[in-house]
Amino acid sequence: MPLSPNAMILKPHFHKCWQRCVARWFKKPVRKMLRRKGGKTKACIQGGKTSPPSPCRLTCSA
């Protein structure tokens, strides 16, 4: 859709339910905070221990 000089949409061809096709990212900052908070609480519960190394991963002694 071309924009007019005063930034109006000239020919709006929207479907009836156009809202579900629009991407919305309003929850993203909150999700980031919850992920960080969850990681901190999990680390406190485990006592700062990390997970054991995977048996499939080769360890190098060099």
N, C-alpha and C. Protein backbone atom coordinates (compact mmCIF):
# COMPACT_ATOMS: atom_id res chain seq x y z
N MET A 1 0.83 -1.18 0.00
CA MET A 1 0.00 0.00 0.00
C MET A 1 0.88 1.24 0.00
N PRO A 2 0.67 2.11 -0.94
CA PRO A 2 1.48 3.33 -0.95
C PRO A 2 0.99 4.31 0.11
N LEU A 3 1.92 5.11 0.59
CA LEU A 3 1.57 6.13 1.56
C LEU A 3 1.40 7.46 0.85
N SER A 4 0.43 8.23 1.31
CA SER A 4 0.24 9.56 0.75
C SER A 4 1.20 10.53 1.44
N PRO A 5 1.32 11.74 0.93
CA PRO A 5 2.26 12.70 1.54
C PRO A 5 1.99 12.98 3.02
N ASN A 6 0.74 12.93 3.44
CA ASN A 6 0.46 13.18 4.85
C ASN A 6 0.34 11.86 5.64
N ALA A 7 0.93 10.78 5.12
CA ALA A 7 1.06 9.48 5.78
C ALA A 7 -0.27 8.80 6.06
N MET A 8 -1.26 9.05 5.24
CA MET A 8 -2.52 8.32 5.35
C MET A 8 -2.46 7.10 4.45
N ILE A 9 -3.10 6.03 4.84
CA ILE A 9 -3.19 4.85 3.98
C ILE A 9 -4.26 5.13 2.94
N LEU A 10 -3.86 5.12 1.66
CA LEU A 10 -4.79 5.54 0.62
C LEU A 10 -5.90 4.53 0.38
N LYS A 11 -5.53 3.28 0.18
CA LYS A 11 -6.54 2.26 -0.13
C LYS A 11 -6.42 1.14 0.89
N PRO A 12 -7.07 1.27 2.02
CA PRO A 12 -6.95 0.22 3.02
C PRO A 12 -7.76 -1.01 2.63
N HIS A 13 -7.08 -2.10 2.32
CA HIS A 13 -7.74 -3.35 1.98
C HIS A 13 -7.51 -4.33 3.11
N PHE A 14 -8.29 -4.22 4.16
CA PHE A 14 -8.13 -5.08 5.31
C PHE A 14 -9.22 -6.14 5.31
N HIS A 15 -8.89 -7.30 5.84
CA HIS A 15 -9.90 -8.33 6.04
C HIS A 15 -10.71 -8.00 7.28
N LYS A 16 -11.79 -8.76 7.49
CA LYS A 16 -12.62 -8.51 8.66
C LYS A 16 -11.85 -8.74 9.95
N CYS A 17 -11.08 -9.82 10.00
CA CYS A 17 -10.35 -10.13 11.23
C CYS A 17 -8.86 -9.89 11.01
N TRP A 18 -8.49 -8.65 10.74
CA TRP A 18 -7.10 -8.31 10.45
C TRP A 18 -6.26 -8.31 11.71
N GLN A 19 -6.88 -8.22 12.89
CA GLN A 19 -6.11 -8.14 14.13
C GLN A 19 -5.32 -9.41 14.39
N ARG A 20 -5.83 -10.58 14.00
CA ARG A 20 -5.12 -11.82 14.30
C ARG A 20 -3.92 -12.03 13.38
N CYS A 21 -3.83 -11.27 12.29
CA CYS A 21 -2.69 -11.37 11.39
C CYS A 21 -1.55 -10.42 11.78
N VAL A 22 -1.81 -9.54 12.73
CA VAL A 22 -0.81 -8.55 13.12
C VAL A 22 0.02 -9.11 14.27
N ALA A 23 1.33 -9.03 14.16
CA ALA A 23 2.21 -9.52 15.22
C ALA A 23 2.24 -8.51 16.36
N ARG A 24 2.07 -9.02 17.58
CA ARG A 24 2.08 -8.16 18.76
C ARG A 24 3.13 -8.69 19.71
N TRP A 25 3.97 -7.82 20.23
CA TRP A 25 5.07 -8.21 21.10
C TRP A 25 4.99 -7.49 22.44
N PHE A 26 3.79 -7.30 22.97
CA PHE A 26 3.64 -6.55 24.21
C PHE A 26 4.12 -7.35 25.42
N LYS A 27 4.11 -8.68 25.34
CA LYS A 27 4.49 -9.52 26.48
C LYS A 27 5.98 -9.83 26.53
N LYS A 28 6.71 -9.45 25.51
CA LYS A 28 8.11 -9.85 25.41
C LYS A 28 8.97 -9.36 26.58
N PRO A 29 8.90 -8.08 27.00
CA PRO A 29 9.71 -7.66 28.15
C PRO A 29 9.35 -8.39 29.43
N VAL A 30 8.07 -8.69 29.61
CA VAL A 30 7.64 -9.40 30.82
C VAL A 30 8.16 -10.83 30.79
N ARG A 31 8.12 -11.46 29.63
CA ARG A 31 8.63 -12.83 29.53
C ARG A 31 10.12 -12.87 29.83
N LYS A 32 10.85 -11.85 29.38
CA LYS A 32 12.29 -11.80 29.66
C LYS A 32 12.53 -11.71 31.16
N MET A 33 11.77 -10.86 31.84
CA MET A 33 11.94 -10.72 33.29
C MET A 33 11.61 -12.03 34.00
N LEU A 34 10.55 -12.72 33.56
CA LEU A 34 10.17 -13.97 34.20
C LEU A 34 11.22 -15.06 33.96
N ARG A 35 11.81 -15.09 32.76
CA ARG A 35 12.87 -16.06 32.50
C ARG A 35 14.06 -15.83 33.41
N ARG A 36 14.47 -14.57 33.54
CA ARG A 36 15.62 -14.26 34.39
C ARG A 36 15.32 -14.59 35.85
N LYS A 37 14.12 -14.25 36.29
CA LYS A 37 13.73 -14.51 37.67
C LYS A 37 13.67 -16.01 37.93
N GLY A 38 13.14 -16.77 36.97
CA GLY A 38 13.07 -18.22 37.12
C GLY A 38 14.44 -18.86 37.17
N GLY A 39 15.36 -18.35 36.37
CA GLY A 39 16.72 -18.89 36.38
C GLY A 39 17.42 -18.62 37.71
N LYS A 40 17.19 -17.44 38.27
CA LYS A 40 17.81 -17.10 39.56
C LYS A 40 17.26 -17.98 40.68
N THR A 41 15.94 -18.19 40.69
CA THR A 41 15.36 -19.02 41.74
C THR A 41 15.81 -20.47 41.60
N LYS A 42 15.93 -20.94 40.36
CA LYS A 42 16.40 -22.31 40.15
C LYS A 42 17.84 -22.46 40.63
N ALA A 43 18.67 -21.45 40.38
CA ALA A 43 20.06 -21.50 40.83
C ALA A 43 20.13 -21.49 42.35
N CYS A 44 19.24 -20.75 43.01
CA CYS A 44 19.23 -20.72 44.48
C CYS A 44 18.81 -22.07 45.04
N ILE A 45 17.85 -22.71 44.39
CA ILE A 45 17.38 -24.02 44.87
C ILE A 45 18.47 -25.06 44.71
N GLN A 46 19.19 -25.03 43.60
CA GLN A 46 20.24 -26.01 43.35
C GLN A 46 21.51 -25.69 44.13
N GLY A 47 21.58 -24.54 44.72
CA GLY A 47 22.75 -24.18 45.49
C GLY A 47 23.92 -23.76 44.63
N GLY A 48 23.65 -23.21 43.46
CA GLY A 48 24.71 -22.74 42.60
C GLY A 48 25.40 -23.85 41.82
N LYS A 49 24.90 -25.08 41.94
CA LYS A 49 25.52 -26.20 41.21
C LYS A 49 25.05 -26.18 39.76
N THR A 50 25.93 -26.49 38.88
CA THR A 50 25.55 -26.61 37.48
C THR A 50 25.20 -28.07 37.20
N SER A 51 24.62 -28.31 36.07
CA SER A 51 24.25 -29.67 35.71
C SER A 51 25.51 -30.49 35.43
N PRO A 52 25.47 -31.79 35.65
CA PRO A 52 26.66 -32.62 35.38
C PRO A 52 26.95 -32.66 33.89
N PRO A 53 28.21 -32.87 33.53
CA PRO A 53 28.53 -32.90 32.10
C PRO A 53 27.87 -34.09 31.41
N SER A 54 27.55 -33.89 30.18
CA SER A 54 26.88 -34.93 29.40
C SER A 54 27.84 -36.09 29.15
N PRO A 55 27.38 -37.36 29.28
CA PRO A 55 28.26 -38.49 29.00
C PRO A 55 28.64 -38.58 27.52
N CYS A 56 27.86 -37.97 26.65
CA CYS A 56 28.16 -38.02 25.23
C CYS A 56 29.29 -37.06 24.85
N ARG A 57 29.51 -36.04 25.67
CA ARG A 57 30.53 -35.05 25.34
C ARG A 57 31.90 -35.56 25.77
N LEU A 58 32.83 -35.52 24.86
CA LEU A 58 34.19 -35.96 25.17
C LEU A 58 34.91 -34.87 25.94
N THR A 59 35.61 -35.26 26.99
CA THR A 59 36.37 -34.28 27.75
C THR A 59 37.83 -34.38 27.34
N CYS A 60 38.44 -33.27 27.17
CA CYS A 60 39.83 -33.20 26.73
C CYS A 60 40.69 -32.84 27.93
N SER A 61 41.78 -33.56 28.15
CA SER A 61 42.66 -33.28 29.27
C SER A 61 43.88 -32.47 28.86
N ALA A 62 43.90 -31.99 27.62
CA ALA A 62 45.07 -31.25 27.14
C ALA A 62 45.02 -29.81 27.57
